[in-house]
Each structure stands twice: as C-alpha cells, then as structure tokens.
Amino acid sequence: MAFIVLGAAAAVAAVLQYRTVLRTLRPIEIPKGYRLNLGVFVNVAIASLGVVLTFHLYAHGPAL
C-alpha cells in the first residue's frame, strides 16, 4: 500500500510542478496543438485511482 500511496503522491507532485513550469512559459513558447491539460488529467486520474485502491485495500485487505 505504501507504493500505491507514493505513486499517487508522485502523480500529484508532477501535476503541481508541471503547472508551475507552464506558468513561466509565454504562449509563443508552447507548441501549436500541444494539449496543455492532458498530462494533468492523466496524473489526476492515476492519483485518484491510487487513493481509491488504497482505501479499498485498507478496508478489505488484499485478495488471495
């Protein structure tokens, strides 16, 4: 479970760092057609699934 929590925390940290770097860029520096929020969406989904899985395993234990 510790690795699941660590992975979810890493995904959240990646989103925060990405957003910080993105704010430093001017619009001209962002490639045309680059999807700004795709990485954010994927990482938030991974973090959310990690949290749900952690709660599930904590409540029910691992399936054997």
N, C-alpha and C. Protein backbone atom coordinates (compact mmCIF):
# COMPACT_ATOMS: atom_id res chain seq x y z
N MET A 1 0.83 -1.19 0.00
CA MET A 1 0.00 0.00 0.00
C MET A 1 0.87 1.25 0.00
N ALA A 2 2.05 1.14 0.62
CA ALA A 2 2.93 2.30 0.66
C ALA A 2 3.33 2.73 -0.76
N PHE A 3 3.57 1.76 -1.63
CA PHE A 3 3.94 2.11 -3.01
C PHE A 3 2.78 2.74 -3.77
N ILE A 4 1.57 2.32 -3.48
CA ILE A 4 0.40 2.92 -4.12
C ILE A 4 0.27 4.38 -3.68
N VAL A 5 0.40 4.62 -2.38
CA VAL A 5 0.31 5.98 -1.85
C VAL A 5 1.45 6.84 -2.41
N LEU A 6 2.65 6.27 -2.46
CA LEU A 6 3.79 7.01 -3.01
C LEU A 6 3.56 7.35 -4.48
N GLY A 7 3.02 6.42 -5.24
CA GLY A 7 2.72 6.69 -6.65
C GLY A 7 1.68 7.77 -6.82
N ALA A 8 0.65 7.74 -5.99
CA ALA A 8 -0.39 8.77 -6.06
C ALA A 8 0.19 10.14 -5.68
N ALA A 9 1.04 10.17 -4.66
CA ALA A 9 1.67 11.44 -4.25
C ALA A 9 2.60 11.96 -5.35
N ALA A 10 3.33 11.05 -6.00
CA ALA A 10 4.21 11.46 -7.10
C ALA A 10 3.41 12.04 -8.26
N ALA A 11 2.25 11.47 -8.55
CA ALA A 11 1.40 11.98 -9.62
C ALA A 11 0.91 13.39 -9.30
N VAL A 12 0.53 13.62 -8.05
CA VAL A 12 0.08 14.95 -7.63
C VAL A 12 1.24 15.94 -7.71
N ALA A 13 2.42 15.53 -7.24
CA ALA A 13 3.60 16.40 -7.29
C ALA A 13 3.96 16.74 -8.74
N ALA A 14 3.81 15.78 -9.64
CA ALA A 14 4.10 16.03 -11.06
C ALA A 14 3.15 17.06 -11.63
N VAL A 15 1.88 16.99 -11.26
CA VAL A 15 0.90 17.97 -11.73
C VAL A 15 1.26 19.37 -11.22
N LEU A 16 1.59 19.47 -9.95
CA LEU A 16 1.94 20.78 -9.38
C LEU A 16 3.18 21.36 -10.04
N GLN A 17 4.19 20.54 -10.26
CA GLN A 17 5.40 21.03 -10.89
C GLN A 17 5.15 21.41 -12.36
N TYR A 18 4.38 20.62 -13.05
CA TYR A 18 4.04 20.91 -14.45
C TYR A 18 3.32 22.25 -14.55
N ARG A 19 2.34 22.46 -13.67
CA ARG A 19 1.59 23.72 -13.71
C ARG A 19 2.50 24.91 -13.40
N THR A 20 3.45 24.72 -12.48
CA THR A 20 4.39 25.79 -12.14
C THR A 20 5.26 26.15 -13.34
N VAL A 21 5.79 25.14 -14.03
CA VAL A 21 6.62 25.38 -15.21
C VAL A 21 5.79 25.99 -16.32
N LEU A 22 4.59 25.51 -16.51
CA LEU A 22 3.73 26.02 -17.57
C LEU A 22 3.44 27.52 -17.40
N ARG A 23 3.30 27.96 -16.16
CA ARG A 23 3.05 29.39 -15.91
C ARG A 23 4.23 30.27 -16.31
N THR A 24 5.43 29.70 -16.39
CA THR A 24 6.60 30.50 -16.75
C THR A 24 6.75 30.66 -18.26
N LEU A 25 5.98 29.89 -19.02
CA LEU A 25 6.10 29.95 -20.48
C LEU A 25 5.18 31.00 -21.07
N ARG A 26 5.68 31.64 -22.10
CA ARG A 26 4.83 32.56 -22.86
C ARG A 26 4.03 31.74 -23.87
N PRO A 27 2.90 32.24 -24.32
CA PRO A 27 2.10 31.48 -25.29
C PRO A 27 2.88 31.09 -26.55
N ILE A 28 3.80 31.92 -26.98
CA ILE A 28 4.58 31.63 -28.19
C ILE A 28 5.52 30.43 -27.97
N GLU A 29 5.85 30.13 -26.72
CA GLU A 29 6.77 29.03 -26.42
C GLU A 29 6.07 27.67 -26.34
N ILE A 30 4.77 27.67 -26.35
CA ILE A 30 4.01 26.42 -26.29
C ILE A 30 3.74 25.97 -27.72
N PRO A 31 4.15 24.75 -28.07
CA PRO A 31 3.95 24.28 -29.45
C PRO A 31 2.47 24.28 -29.85
N LYS A 32 2.24 24.58 -31.11
CA LYS A 32 0.88 24.60 -31.63
C LYS A 32 0.29 23.20 -31.55
N GLY A 33 -0.93 23.09 -31.07
CA GLY A 33 -1.60 21.80 -30.95
C GLY A 33 -1.24 21.02 -29.70
N TYR A 34 -0.38 21.58 -28.84
CA TYR A 34 0.01 20.89 -27.60
C TYR A 34 -1.15 20.91 -26.62
N ARG A 35 -1.52 19.75 -26.15
CA ARG A 35 -2.64 19.65 -25.21
C ARG A 35 -2.14 19.93 -23.80
N LEU A 36 -2.43 21.09 -23.30
CA LEU A 36 -1.91 21.54 -22.02
C LEU A 36 -2.41 20.72 -20.84
N ASN A 37 -3.63 20.27 -20.89
CA ASN A 37 -4.22 19.61 -19.72
C ASN A 37 -4.27 18.09 -19.80
N LEU A 38 -3.76 17.50 -20.86
CA LEU A 38 -3.80 16.05 -20.98
C LEU A 38 -2.98 15.38 -19.88
N GLY A 39 -1.77 15.85 -19.67
CA GLY A 39 -0.93 15.28 -18.61
C GLY A 39 -1.53 15.48 -17.23
N VAL A 40 -2.14 16.62 -17.03
CA VAL A 40 -2.79 16.89 -15.74
C VAL A 40 -3.93 15.90 -15.53
N PHE A 41 -4.75 15.71 -16.55
CA PHE A 41 -5.88 14.78 -16.44
C PHE A 41 -5.41 13.37 -16.12
N VAL A 42 -4.40 12.89 -16.84
CA VAL A 42 -3.90 11.53 -16.63
C VAL A 42 -3.34 11.37 -15.22
N ASN A 43 -2.55 12.33 -14.77
CA ASN A 43 -1.96 12.23 -13.43
C ASN A 43 -3.01 12.34 -12.33
N VAL A 44 -4.00 13.17 -12.50
CA VAL A 44 -5.07 13.26 -11.51
C VAL A 44 -5.86 11.96 -11.47
N ALA A 45 -6.09 11.37 -12.64
CA ALA A 45 -6.80 10.09 -12.68
C ALA A 45 -5.98 9.00 -11.98
N ILE A 46 -4.69 8.95 -12.22
CA ILE A 46 -3.82 7.97 -11.57
C ILE A 46 -3.82 8.18 -10.05
N ALA A 47 -3.69 9.43 -9.63
CA ALA A 47 -3.69 9.71 -8.19
C ALA A 47 -5.02 9.33 -7.56
N SER A 48 -6.12 9.62 -8.24
CA SER A 48 -7.44 9.29 -7.71
C SER A 48 -7.62 7.78 -7.60
N LEU A 49 -7.22 7.06 -8.62
CA LEU A 49 -7.32 5.59 -8.57
C LEU A 49 -6.42 5.02 -7.48
N GLY A 50 -5.28 5.61 -7.28
CA GLY A 50 -4.40 5.17 -6.20
C GLY A 50 -5.03 5.36 -4.83
N VAL A 51 -5.70 6.48 -4.64
CA VAL A 51 -6.38 6.74 -3.37
C VAL A 51 -7.52 5.75 -3.17
N VAL A 52 -8.31 5.52 -4.21
CA VAL A 52 -9.43 4.57 -4.12
C VAL A 52 -8.90 3.17 -3.83
N LEU A 53 -7.85 2.76 -4.52
CA LEU A 53 -7.28 1.43 -4.30
C LEU A 53 -6.72 1.30 -2.88
N THR A 54 -6.10 2.34 -2.38
CA THR A 54 -5.56 2.30 -1.01
C THR A 54 -6.69 2.11 0.00
N PHE A 55 -7.77 2.87 -0.14
CA PHE A 55 -8.90 2.73 0.77
C PHE A 55 -9.54 1.35 0.65
N HIS A 56 -9.64 0.86 -0.56
CA HIS A 56 -10.22 -0.47 -0.76
C HIS A 56 -9.37 -1.54 -0.08
N LEU A 57 -8.08 -1.50 -0.30
CA LEU A 57 -7.20 -2.50 0.31
C LEU A 57 -7.17 -2.37 1.84
N TYR A 58 -7.23 -1.15 2.31
CA TYR A 58 -7.24 -0.94 3.76
C TYR A 58 -8.52 -1.51 4.37
N ALA A 59 -9.64 -1.32 3.68
CA ALA A 59 -10.92 -1.77 4.22
C ALA A 59 -11.13 -3.26 4.06
N HIS A 60 -10.67 -3.85 2.96
CA HIS A 60 -10.97 -5.24 2.66
C HIS A 60 -9.77 -6.17 2.69
N GLY A 61 -8.57 -5.63 2.71
CA GLY A 61 -7.38 -6.45 2.67
C GLY A 61 -7.13 -6.97 1.27
N PRO A 62 -5.93 -7.45 1.00
CA PRO A 62 -5.63 -7.95 -0.34
C PRO A 62 -6.36 -9.26 -0.62
N ALA A 63 -6.80 -9.43 -1.84
CA ALA A 63 -7.46 -10.68 -2.24
C ALA A 63 -6.41 -11.74 -2.49
N LEU A 64 -6.66 -12.92 -2.02
CA LEU A 64 -5.71 -14.02 -2.22
C LEU A 64 -6.21 -14.98 -3.27
